[in-house]
Amino acid sequence: TGAASPIMGLVAGLTTFLLAIPRVASILAPMPKAVLAAIVLAAVLPGVLRPKDVLRLNGVDKVVGCATALASCFDPTKGFMVGLLLHVLHAAIRAFRGAWDKTTALKSSHITESQKALSGNSATLVGLSP
């Protein structure tokens, strides 16, 4: 639809929820699978034919996107799982690396402050300070 407001997300979520209620779902159950496939294709096909977002990716994100697209060509369900697992793995590595960098930065800043304090104290102890 092109809507991007939070209210539209709420409306879409409530509509999906209402369609999933058993009474409404039983009305939709006899709908032919071809109709459902057409709805899915109408939603997905523009992104498949013109994958602008995937082509704009860089670095690891591009590798994850291309691997997901390639795996989806063989089996869409397994392709989705490949993409999900690669994304979670990449996010975990990024989070771990960020935490590691913060920890080492804190340790190195603590060491340099300690060294400054020690060097100042040693100069005072030797009697070299003015």
Protein backbone atom coordinates (compact mmCIF):
# COMPACT_ATOMS: atom_id res chain seq x y z
CA THR A 1 0.00 0.00 0.00
CA GLY A 2 2.95 2.31 0.51
CA ALA A 3 1.78 3.53 3.92
CA ALA A 4 4.54 3.88 6.47
CA SER A 5 2.86 5.39 9.53
CA PRO A 6 2.59 3.56 12.85
CA ILE A 7 -1.19 3.74 12.60
CA MET A 8 -1.07 1.83 9.31
CA GLY A 9 0.99 -0.86 10.99
CA LEU A 10 -1.63 -1.10 13.71
CA VAL A 11 -4.44 -1.32 11.15
CA ALA A 12 -2.60 -4.03 9.19
CA GLY A 13 -1.89 -6.00 12.36
CA LEU A 14 -5.49 -5.82 13.56
CA THR A 15 -6.77 -6.82 10.12
CA THR A 16 -4.45 -9.82 10.06
CA PHE A 17 -5.53 -10.77 13.57
CA LEU A 18 -9.22 -10.49 12.68
CA LEU A 19 -8.73 -12.64 9.57
CA ALA A 20 -7.04 -15.29 11.70
CA ILE A 21 -10.01 -15.71 14.03
CA PRO A 22 -11.42 -19.23 13.49
CA ARG A 23 -14.87 -18.07 12.30
CA VAL A 24 -13.38 -15.81 9.64
CA ALA A 25 -10.69 -18.35 8.76
CA SER A 26 -13.36 -21.00 8.16
CA ILE A 27 -14.97 -18.67 5.60
CA LEU A 28 -11.62 -18.26 3.82
CA ALA A 29 -10.73 -21.99 3.98
CA PRO A 30 -12.46 -23.04 0.73
CA MET A 31 -10.66 -20.28 -1.20
CA PRO A 32 -8.59 -21.93 -3.94
CA LYS A 33 -4.85 -22.06 -3.42
CA ALA A 34 -4.39 -20.38 -6.79
CA VAL A 35 -6.08 -17.24 -5.44
CA LEU A 36 -3.82 -17.25 -2.39
CA ALA A 37 -0.78 -17.78 -4.62
CA ALA A 38 -1.84 -14.82 -6.76
CA ILE A 39 -2.09 -12.60 -3.68
CA VAL A 40 1.37 -13.65 -2.51
CA LEU A 41 2.86 -13.14 -5.98
CA ALA A 42 1.28 -9.70 -6.25
CA ALA A 43 2.97 -8.74 -2.99
CA VAL A 44 6.36 -10.33 -3.68
CA LEU A 45 6.86 -10.13 -7.44
CA PRO A 46 7.85 -6.44 -7.70
CA GLY A 47 10.68 -6.99 -5.20
CA VAL A 48 11.86 -10.07 -7.08
CA LEU A 49 11.86 -8.45 -10.51
CA ARG A 50 13.54 -5.24 -9.33
CA PRO A 51 15.66 -6.15 -6.28
CA LYS A 52 16.89 -2.59 -5.65
CA ASP A 53 17.24 -3.07 -1.92
CA VAL A 54 19.39 -6.20 -2.24
CA LEU A 55 21.60 -4.57 -4.87
CA ARG A 56 22.26 -1.57 -2.60
CA LEU A 57 23.63 -3.73 0.21
CA ASN A 58 27.35 -3.69 1.01
CA GLY A 59 29.74 -5.97 2.84
CA VAL A 60 28.41 -8.81 4.95
CA ASP A 61 24.81 -7.70 4.40
CA LYS A 62 25.26 -8.19 0.66
CA VAL A 63 26.63 -11.71 1.22
CA VAL A 64 23.67 -12.57 3.48
CA GLY A 65 21.18 -11.15 0.95
CA CYS A 66 22.70 -12.94 -2.02
CA ALA A 67 23.00 -16.25 -0.13
CA THR A 68 19.35 -15.98 0.90
CA ALA A 69 18.26 -15.21 -2.67
CA LEU A 70 20.30 -18.10 -4.06
CA ALA A 71 19.02 -20.57 -1.47
CA SER A 72 15.45 -19.40 -2.07
CA CYS A 73 15.76 -20.29 -5.75
CA PHE A 74 16.03 -23.97 -4.78
CA ASP A 75 13.56 -24.08 -1.89
CA PRO A 76 11.90 -20.92 -0.56
CA THR A 77 11.38 -22.31 2.93
CA LYS A 78 14.99 -23.42 3.28
CA GLY A 79 16.12 -20.16 1.69
CA PHE A 80 14.23 -18.24 4.35
CA MET A 81 15.89 -20.33 7.05
CA VAL A 82 19.34 -19.79 5.51
CA GLY A 83 18.77 -16.04 5.47
CA LEU A 84 17.43 -16.01 9.01
CA LEU A 85 20.34 -18.06 10.37
CA LEU A 86 22.95 -15.97 8.54
CA HIS A 87 21.35 -12.76 9.81
CA VAL A 88 21.22 -14.00 13.42
CA LEU A 89 24.83 -15.20 13.19
CA HIS A 90 25.97 -11.87 11.77
CA ALA A 91 24.05 -9.91 14.43
CA ALA A 92 25.54 -12.06 17.20
CA ILE A 93 29.07 -11.57 15.89
CA ARG A 94 28.50 -7.83 15.58
CA ALA A 95 27.13 -7.63 19.13
CA PHE A 96 29.99 -9.73 20.53
CA ARG A 97 32.57 -7.67 18.66
CA GLY A 98 31.03 -4.43 19.93
CA ALA A 99 31.04 -5.68 23.51
CA TRP A 100 34.64 -6.87 23.10
CA ASP A 101 35.75 -3.51 21.71
CA LYS A 102 34.09 -1.64 24.59
CA THR A 103 35.70 -3.95 27.14
CA THR A 104 39.18 -3.61 25.68
CA ALA A 105 38.75 0.16 25.33
CA LEU A 106 37.79 0.43 28.99
CA LYS A 107 40.74 -1.71 30.02
CA SER A 108 43.21 0.29 27.94
CA SER A 109 41.88 3.64 29.21
CA HIS A 110 42.06 2.33 32.77
CA ILE A 111 45.65 1.22 32.23
CA THR A 112 46.74 4.56 30.79
CA GLU A 113 45.09 6.47 33.66
CA SER A 114 46.81 4.15 36.13
CA GLN A 115 50.13 4.66 34.40
CA LYS A 116 49.68 8.44 34.52
CA ALA A 117 48.84 8.29 38.19
CA LEU A 118 51.83 6.07 38.89
CA SER A 119 54.21 8.22 36.90
CA GLY A 120 52.96 11.32 38.73
CA ASN A 121 53.35 9.62 42.08
CA SER A 122 56.83 8.32 41.31
CA ALA A 123 57.99 11.82 40.32
CA THR A 124 56.66 13.12 43.61
CA LEU A 125 58.32 10.33 45.53
CA VAL A 126 61.69 10.96 43.91
CA GLY A 127 61.38 14.69 44.57
CA LEU A 128 61.50 15.82 40.94
CA SER A 129 58.25 17.73 40.98
CA PRO A 130 58.44 21.51 41.34
